Amino acid sequence: MLGLKFRRQHPVGPFIADFYCAELSLVLELDGNVHLDPIQYEKDRYRDDWMAERGIGVIRVWNREADEENIKRLIARFLAMRR
């Protein structure tokens, strides 16, 4: 995707990322309904904060919105924000 390599189920610190791109230091998480649970939501926030403190970007996408075009758009936006 966009000429980038993403590793699936890749360890990042104490976590397992759904997808990780080392070149961009970017995690892509695909979230389902379990992430609507308040306890899971707090765990996700902790995880995202942990990664941000280490310079790792996180993009979260709902499973139902995880088509290739949407993900490409989100990655392009991420890249533009990093410039």
C-alpha atoms as a PDB file:
ATOM      1  CA  MET A   1       0.000   0.000   0.000  1.00  0.00           C
ATOM      2  CA  LEU A   2       1.536   3.301  -1.162  1.00  0.00           C
ATOM      3  CA  GLY A   3       4.797   1.384  -1.596  1.00  0.00           C
ATOM      4  CA  LEU A   4       5.065   0.917   2.180  1.00  0.00           C
ATOM      5  CA  LYS A   5       5.705  -2.336   4.038  1.00  0.00           C
ATOM      6  CA  PHE A   6       3.341  -3.126   6.883  1.00  0.00           C
ATOM      7  CA  ARG A   7       4.009  -6.068   9.178  1.00  0.00           C
ATOM      8  CA  ARG A   8       0.928  -7.829  10.494  1.00  0.00           C
ATOM      9  CA  GLN A   9       0.583  -8.657  14.227  1.00  0.00           C
ATOM     10  CA  HIS A  10       3.917  -6.990  14.983  1.00  0.00           C
ATOM     11  CA  PRO A  11       5.204  -6.488  18.556  1.00  0.00           C
ATOM     12  CA  VAL A  12       5.611  -2.826  19.528  1.00  0.00           C
ATOM     13  CA  GLY A  13       6.886  -2.595  23.091  1.00  0.00           C
ATOM     14  CA  PRO A  14       4.459  -4.515  25.312  1.00  0.00           C
ATOM     15  CA  PHE A  15       1.742  -4.438  22.630  1.00  0.00           C
ATOM     16  CA  ILE A  16       0.912  -6.280  19.417  1.00  0.00           C
ATOM     17  CA  ALA A  17       0.007  -3.907  16.604  1.00  0.00           C
ATOM     18  CA  ASP A  18      -2.490  -5.038  13.989  1.00  0.00           C
ATOM     19  CA  PHE A  19      -0.164  -3.562  11.354  1.00  0.00           C
ATOM     20  CA  TYR A  20       3.180  -1.763  11.779  1.00  0.00           C
ATOM     21  CA  CYS A  21       5.232   0.223   9.267  1.00  0.00           C
ATOM     22  CA  ALA A  22       8.804   0.615  10.554  1.00  0.00           C
ATOM     23  CA  GLU A  23       9.700   3.124   7.822  1.00  0.00           C
ATOM     24  CA  LEU A  24       7.078   5.569   9.108  1.00  0.00           C
ATOM     25  CA  SER A  25       7.007   4.396  12.722  1.00  0.00           C
ATOM     26  CA  LEU A  26       3.263   3.982  12.231  1.00  0.00           C
ATOM     27  CA  VAL A  27       0.731   1.575  13.708  1.00  0.00           C
ATOM     28  CA  LEU A  28      -2.542   0.858  11.928  1.00  0.00           C
ATOM     29  CA  GLU A  29      -5.244  -0.561  14.195  1.00  0.00           C
ATOM     30  CA  LEU A  30      -8.478  -2.046  12.873  1.00  0.00           C
ATOM     31  CA  ASP A  31     -11.156  -1.699  15.541  1.00  0.00           C
ATOM     32  CA  GLY A  32     -14.378  -3.635  15.944  1.00  0.00           C
ATOM     33  CA  ASN A  33     -17.300  -3.180  18.310  1.00  0.00           C
ATOM     34  CA  VAL A  34     -15.314  -4.373  21.330  1.00  0.00           C
ATOM     35  CA  HIS A  35     -13.532  -0.999  21.187  1.00  0.00           C
ATOM     36  CA  LEU A  36     -16.815   0.735  22.077  1.00  0.00           C
ATOM     37  CA  ASP A  37     -16.615  -0.736  25.576  1.00  0.00           C
ATOM     38  CA  PRO A  38     -15.510   2.003  28.049  1.00  0.00           C
ATOM     39  CA  ILE A  39     -12.839  -0.212  29.607  1.00  0.00           C
ATOM     40  CA  GLN A  40     -11.413  -1.161  26.214  1.00  0.00           C
ATOM     41  CA  TYR A  41     -11.568   2.479  25.154  1.00  0.00           C
ATOM     42  CA  GLU A  42      -9.362   3.451  28.125  1.00  0.00           C
ATOM     43  CA  LYS A  43      -6.922   0.646  27.307  1.00  0.00           C
ATOM     44  CA  ASP A  44      -6.759   1.893  23.724  1.00  0.00           C
ATOM     45  CA  ARG A  45      -6.079   5.461  24.905  1.00  0.00           C
ATOM     46  CA  TYR A  46      -3.295   4.247  27.201  1.00  0.00           C
ATOM     47  CA  ARG A  47      -1.768   2.248  24.355  1.00  0.00           C
ATOM     48  CA  ASP A  48      -1.996   5.170  21.904  1.00  0.00           C
ATOM     49  CA  ASP A  49      -0.437   7.534  24.467  1.00  0.00           C
ATOM     50  CA  TRP A  50       2.365   5.054  25.145  1.00  0.00           C
ATOM     51  CA  MET A  51       3.142   4.890  21.443  1.00  0.00           C
ATOM     52  CA  ALA A  52       2.914   8.658  20.954  1.00  0.00           C
ATOM     53  CA  GLU A  53       5.419   9.186  23.787  1.00  0.00           C
ATOM     54  CA  ARG A  54       7.840   7.069  21.769  1.00  0.00           C
ATOM     55  CA  GLY A  55       7.227   8.829  18.464  1.00  0.00           C
ATOM     56  CA  ILE A  56       5.015   6.104  17.032  1.00  0.00           C
ATOM     57  CA  GLY A  57       1.961   7.309  15.150  1.00  0.00           C
ATOM     58  CA  VAL A  58      -1.322   5.433  15.456  1.00  0.00           C
ATOM     59  CA  ILE A  59      -4.175   5.375  12.980  1.00  0.00           C
ATOM     60  CA  ARG A  60      -7.352   3.672  14.163  1.00  0.00           C
ATOM     61  CA  VAL A  61      -9.920   2.575  11.594  1.00  0.00           C
ATOM     62  CA  TRP A  62     -13.259   0.917  12.205  1.00  0.00           C
ATOM     63  CA  ASN A  63     -13.399  -2.487  10.537  1.00  0.00           C
ATOM     64  CA  ARG A  64     -16.391  -1.409   8.449  1.00  0.00           C
ATOM     65  CA  GLU A  65     -14.387   1.580   7.104  1.00  0.00           C
ATOM     66  CA  ALA A  66     -11.163  -0.328   6.433  1.00  0.00           C
ATOM     67  CA  ASP A  67     -11.194  -0.321   2.667  1.00  0.00           C
ATOM     68  CA  GLU A  68      -7.968   0.324   0.759  1.00  0.00           C
ATOM     69  CA  GLU A  69      -8.913   3.822  -0.434  1.00  0.00           C
ATOM     70  CA  ASN A  70      -9.844   5.025   3.048  1.00  0.00           C
ATOM     71  CA  ILE A  71      -6.635   3.654   4.556  1.00  0.00           C
ATOM     72  CA  LYS A  72      -4.553   5.260   1.797  1.00  0.00           C
ATOM     73  CA  ARG A  73      -6.261   8.586   2.489  1.00  0.00           C
ATOM     74  CA  LEU A  74      -5.590   8.322   6.231  1.00  0.00           C
ATOM     75  CA  ILE A  75      -1.929   7.429   5.675  1.00  0.00           C
ATOM     76  CA  ALA A  76      -1.545  10.355   3.247  1.00  0.00           C
ATOM     77  CA  ARG A  77      -3.041  12.688   5.873  1.00  0.00           C
ATOM     78  CA  PHE A  78      -0.672  11.247   8.485  1.00  0.00           C
ATOM     79  CA  LEU A  79       2.297  11.887   6.187  1.00  0.00           C
ATOM     80  CA  ALA A  80       1.175  15.457   5.504  1.00  0.00           C
ATOM     81  CA  MET A  81       0.886  16.160   9.233  1.00  0.00           C
ATOM     82  CA  ARG A  82       4.423  14.858   9.857  1.00  0.00           C
ATOM     83  CA  ARG A  83       5.982  17.342   7.414  1.00  0.00           C
END
